[in-house]
């Protein structure tokens, strides 16, 4: 599979996710999707540049840190899989 194919599939999954409402997804799923998206688009979190003052931000930062070992492409694949599994439900 080429990088373009992966990027195209990732963009399609993001478009699907944009149509979902937060209230339709459990918070743990929202956090997982957030972490995969951030790792896929920004790479590994630089914890020296994060200042966590709100509990919500702490959860988001923690979710992202937990998958920081993934490459951008791995995170894209997992994001795509997660979105497609939600659509099947």
N, C-alpha and C. Protein backbone atom coordinates (compact mmCIF):
# COMPACT_ATOMS: atom_id res chain seq x y z
N UNK A 1 0.85 -1.18 0.00
CA UNK A 1 0.00 0.00 0.00
C UNK A 1 0.90 1.24 0.00
N UNK A 2 0.54 2.21 -0.80
CA UNK A 2 1.35 3.42 -0.88
C UNK A 2 0.93 4.41 0.19
N UNK A 3 1.82 5.38 0.43
CA UNK A 3 1.52 6.40 1.43
C UNK A 3 0.28 7.19 1.04
N UNK A 4 0.12 7.45 -0.25
CA UNK A 4 -1.07 8.19 -0.70
C UNK A 4 -2.34 7.44 -0.35
N UNK A 5 -2.32 6.15 -0.54
CA UNK A 5 -3.49 5.35 -0.19
C UNK A 5 -3.82 5.48 1.30
N UNK A 6 -2.81 5.41 2.14
CA UNK A 6 -3.01 5.55 3.57
C UNK A 6 -3.54 6.94 3.91
N UNK A 7 -2.94 7.97 3.33
CA UNK A 7 -3.38 9.33 3.61
C UNK A 7 -4.81 9.57 3.13
N UNK A 8 -5.15 9.01 1.99
CA UNK A 8 -6.51 9.14 1.46
C UNK A 8 -7.50 8.45 2.39
N UNK A 9 -7.16 7.24 2.82
CA UNK A 9 -8.05 6.51 3.73
C UNK A 9 -8.16 7.24 5.07
N UNK A 10 -7.06 7.83 5.53
CA UNK A 10 -7.08 8.58 6.78
C UNK A 10 -7.98 9.80 6.66
N UNK A 11 -7.86 10.53 5.57
CA UNK A 11 -8.70 11.71 5.35
C UNK A 11 -10.17 11.32 5.28
N UNK A 12 -10.47 10.20 4.66
CA UNK A 12 -11.86 9.72 4.60
C UNK A 12 -12.37 9.38 5.99
N UNK A 13 -11.53 8.76 6.80
CA UNK A 13 -11.93 8.42 8.18
C UNK A 13 -12.15 9.68 9.00
N UNK A 14 -11.31 10.68 8.80
CA UNK A 14 -11.48 11.96 9.51
C UNK A 14 -12.81 12.59 9.11
N UNK A 15 -13.14 12.53 7.84
CA UNK A 15 -14.42 13.09 7.37
C UNK A 15 -15.60 12.36 8.01
N UNK A 16 -15.49 11.06 8.15
CA UNK A 16 -16.55 10.29 8.82
C UNK A 16 -16.65 10.72 10.28
N UNK A 17 -15.51 10.86 10.93
CA UNK A 17 -15.49 11.25 12.35
C UNK A 17 -16.08 12.64 12.54
N UNK A 18 -15.85 13.52 11.58
CA UNK A 18 -16.40 14.88 11.68
C UNK A 18 -17.92 14.88 11.71
N UNK A 19 -18.52 13.85 11.15
CA UNK A 19 -19.98 13.75 11.12
C UNK A 19 -20.55 13.18 12.42
N UNK A 20 -19.70 12.59 13.23
CA UNK A 20 -20.15 11.99 14.49
C UNK A 20 -20.27 13.08 15.56
N UNK A 21 -21.18 12.85 16.48
CA UNK A 21 -21.31 13.79 17.59
C UNK A 21 -20.57 13.23 18.80
N UNK A 22 -20.05 14.13 19.62
CA UNK A 22 -19.34 13.68 20.81
C UNK A 22 -20.25 12.88 21.73
N UNK A 23 -21.50 13.28 21.80
CA UNK A 23 -22.42 12.59 22.69
C UNK A 23 -22.71 11.16 22.24
N UNK A 24 -22.42 10.85 20.99
CA UNK A 24 -22.68 9.51 20.49
C UNK A 24 -21.53 8.54 20.79
N UNK A 25 -20.42 9.06 21.31
CA UNK A 25 -19.25 8.22 21.57
C UNK A 25 -18.89 8.24 23.05
N UNK A 26 -18.56 7.08 23.60
CA UNK A 26 -18.08 7.06 24.99
C UNK A 26 -16.78 7.87 25.11
N UNK A 27 -16.52 8.39 26.28
CA UNK A 27 -15.34 9.22 26.46
C UNK A 27 -14.04 8.49 26.19
N UNK A 28 -13.96 7.20 26.54
CA UNK A 28 -12.72 6.47 26.28
C UNK A 28 -12.46 6.34 24.77
N UNK A 29 -13.52 6.20 24.00
CA UNK A 29 -13.37 6.13 22.54
C UNK A 29 -12.94 7.49 22.00
N UNK A 30 -13.54 8.56 22.51
CA UNK A 30 -13.15 9.91 22.09
C UNK A 30 -11.67 10.15 22.36
N UNK A 31 -11.21 9.74 23.54
CA UNK A 31 -9.80 9.93 23.88
C UNK A 31 -8.88 9.12 22.99
N UNK A 32 -9.27 7.89 22.70
CA UNK A 32 -8.46 7.04 21.82
C UNK A 32 -8.37 7.65 20.42
N UNK A 33 -9.50 8.11 19.89
CA UNK A 33 -9.50 8.73 18.58
C UNK A 33 -8.65 10.01 18.58
N UNK A 34 -8.77 10.80 19.63
CA UNK A 34 -7.98 12.02 19.77
C UNK A 34 -6.48 11.68 19.73
N UNK A 35 -6.10 10.69 20.52
CA UNK A 35 -4.68 10.32 20.60
C UNK A 35 -4.16 9.82 19.25
N UNK A 36 -4.91 8.94 18.60
CA UNK A 36 -4.49 8.45 17.28
C UNK A 36 -4.36 9.59 16.29
N UNK A 37 -5.34 10.50 16.30
CA UNK A 37 -5.32 11.63 15.37
C UNK A 37 -4.10 12.51 15.63
N UNK A 38 -3.85 12.84 16.88
CA UNK A 38 -2.72 13.70 17.21
C UNK A 38 -1.39 13.04 16.85
N UNK A 39 -1.25 11.76 17.16
CA UNK A 39 -0.01 11.05 16.83
C UNK A 39 0.16 10.97 15.33
N UNK A 40 -0.93 10.78 14.61
CA UNK A 40 -0.87 10.67 13.15
C UNK A 40 -0.52 12.00 12.50
N UNK A 41 -1.01 13.09 13.06
CA UNK A 41 -0.83 14.39 12.39
C UNK A 41 0.29 15.24 12.96
N UNK A 42 0.62 15.05 14.24
CA UNK A 42 1.65 15.88 14.87
C UNK A 42 2.87 15.08 15.32
N UNK A 43 2.74 13.76 15.41
CA UNK A 43 3.85 12.95 15.90
C UNK A 43 3.84 12.89 17.42
N UNK A 44 4.95 12.46 17.96
CA UNK A 44 5.06 12.25 19.40
C UNK A 44 4.92 13.56 20.17
N UNK A 45 4.17 13.49 21.24
CA UNK A 45 3.90 14.64 22.09
C UNK A 45 5.19 15.11 22.77
N UNK A 46 5.44 16.40 22.71
CA UNK A 46 6.57 17.00 23.42
C UNK A 46 6.06 17.48 24.77
N UNK A 47 6.28 16.68 25.80
CA UNK A 47 5.72 16.98 27.12
C UNK A 47 6.32 18.24 27.73
N UNK A 48 7.45 18.69 27.24
CA UNK A 48 8.03 19.92 27.80
C UNK A 48 7.25 21.15 27.36
N UNK A 49 6.41 21.00 26.34
CA UNK A 49 5.63 22.13 25.84
C UNK A 49 4.17 22.07 26.23
N UNK A 50 3.83 21.14 27.12
CA UNK A 50 2.43 21.03 27.54
C UNK A 50 2.30 21.49 28.97
N UNK A 51 1.35 22.33 29.17
CA UNK A 51 1.02 22.77 30.53
C UNK A 51 -0.40 22.33 30.78
N UNK A 52 -0.59 21.37 31.65
CA UNK A 52 -1.91 20.81 31.90
C UNK A 52 -2.51 21.44 33.14
N UNK A 53 -3.50 22.27 32.91
CA UNK A 53 -4.17 22.95 34.01
C UNK A 53 -5.59 22.45 34.21
N UNK A 54 -6.15 21.83 33.21
CA UNK A 54 -7.52 21.35 33.28
C UNK A 54 -7.52 19.83 33.24
N UNK A 55 -8.42 19.24 33.96
CA UNK A 55 -8.51 17.79 34.01
C UNK A 55 -8.72 17.20 32.62
N UNK A 56 -9.55 17.84 31.82
CA UNK A 56 -9.81 17.35 30.47
C UNK A 56 -8.53 17.30 29.66
N UNK A 57 -7.72 18.34 29.76
CA UNK A 57 -6.45 18.37 29.03
C UNK A 57 -5.50 17.29 29.53
N UNK A 58 -5.55 17.01 30.82
CA UNK A 58 -4.69 15.97 31.39
C UNK A 58 -5.06 14.60 30.81
N UNK A 59 -6.34 14.32 30.68
CA UNK A 59 -6.78 13.06 30.10
C UNK A 59 -6.34 12.96 28.64
N UNK A 60 -6.50 14.04 27.90
CA UNK A 60 -6.11 14.05 26.50
C UNK A 60 -4.60 13.85 26.34
N UNK A 61 -3.83 14.55 27.17
CA UNK A 61 -2.38 14.42 27.13
C UNK A 61 -1.96 13.00 27.48
N UNK A 62 -2.59 12.43 28.49
CA UNK A 62 -2.27 11.06 28.91
C UNK A 62 -2.58 10.07 27.79
N UNK A 63 -3.72 10.23 27.14
CA UNK A 63 -4.09 9.32 26.05
C UNK A 63 -3.06 9.39 24.93
N UNK A 64 -2.61 10.60 24.62
CA UNK A 64 -1.63 10.78 23.55
C UNK A 64 -0.28 10.18 23.96
N UNK A 65 0.12 10.41 25.19
CA UNK A 65 1.40 9.88 25.67
C UNK A 65 1.42 8.35 25.64
N UNK A 66 0.27 7.72 25.89
CA UNK A 66 0.21 6.26 25.93
C UNK A 66 0.49 5.62 24.57
N UNK A 67 0.28 6.37 23.51
CA UNK A 67 0.53 5.79 22.17
C UNK A 67 1.72 6.46 21.49
N UNK A 68 2.54 7.15 22.24
CA UNK A 68 3.65 7.89 21.65
C UNK A 68 4.69 6.99 20.99
N UNK A 69 4.64 5.70 21.26
CA UNK A 69 5.56 4.76 20.63
C UNK A 69 5.18 4.43 19.18
N UNK A 70 3.98 4.80 18.78
CA UNK A 70 3.50 4.51 17.42
C UNK A 70 4.08 5.50 16.41
N UNK A 71 4.31 5.02 15.21
CA UNK A 71 4.67 5.93 14.12
C UNK A 71 3.41 6.64 13.65
N UNK A 72 3.59 7.67 12.86
CA UNK A 72 2.45 8.38 12.30
C UNK A 72 1.58 7.44 11.47
N UNK A 73 2.20 6.61 10.66
CA UNK A 73 1.45 5.68 9.82
C UNK A 73 0.69 4.64 10.65
N UNK A 74 1.31 4.15 11.72
CA UNK A 74 0.62 3.20 12.60
C UNK A 74 -0.60 3.85 13.25
N UNK A 75 -0.43 5.10 13.68
CA UNK A 75 -1.54 5.81 14.30
C UNK A 75 -2.67 6.04 13.29
N UNK A 76 -2.31 6.35 12.05
CA UNK A 76 -3.33 6.52 11.01
C UNK A 76 -4.11 5.23 10.80
N UNK A 77 -3.40 4.11 10.72
CA UNK A 77 -4.06 2.82 10.52
C UNK A 77 -5.01 2.51 11.67
N UNK A 78 -4.57 2.75 12.89
CA UNK A 78 -5.41 2.48 14.05
C UNK A 78 -6.61 3.42 14.11
N UNK A 79 -6.43 4.66 13.71
CA UNK A 79 -7.53 5.61 13.65
C UNK A 79 -8.57 5.13 12.63
N UNK A 80 -8.10 4.74 11.47
CA UNK A 80 -8.99 4.25 10.41
C UNK A 80 -9.78 3.03 10.91
N UNK A 81 -9.07 2.08 11.52
CA UNK A 81 -9.73 0.89 12.06
C UNK A 81 -10.78 1.24 13.10
N UNK A 82 -10.45 2.17 13.98
CA UNK A 82 -11.40 2.56 15.03
C UNK A 82 -12.65 3.20 14.44
N UNK A 83 -12.47 4.09 13.48
CA UNK A 83 -13.62 4.75 12.85
C UNK A 83 -14.47 3.73 12.12
N UNK A 84 -13.84 2.85 11.36
CA UNK A 84 -14.61 1.85 10.61
C UNK A 84 -15.36 0.91 11.54
N UNK A 85 -14.77 0.58 12.69
CA UNK A 85 -15.48 -0.29 13.63
C UNK A 85 -16.68 0.42 14.24
N UNK A 86 -16.59 1.73 14.42
CA UNK A 86 -17.72 2.50 14.94
C UNK A 86 -18.84 2.61 13.92
N UNK A 87 -18.49 2.72 12.66
CA UNK A 87 -19.48 2.85 11.60
C UNK A 87 -20.27 1.54 11.45
N UNK A 88 -19.60 0.41 11.69
CA UNK A 88 -20.25 -0.89 11.56
C UNK A 88 -21.30 -1.14 12.63
N UNK A 89 -21.18 -0.46 13.75
CA UNK A 89 -22.11 -0.69 14.87
C UNK A 89 -23.49 -0.17 14.59
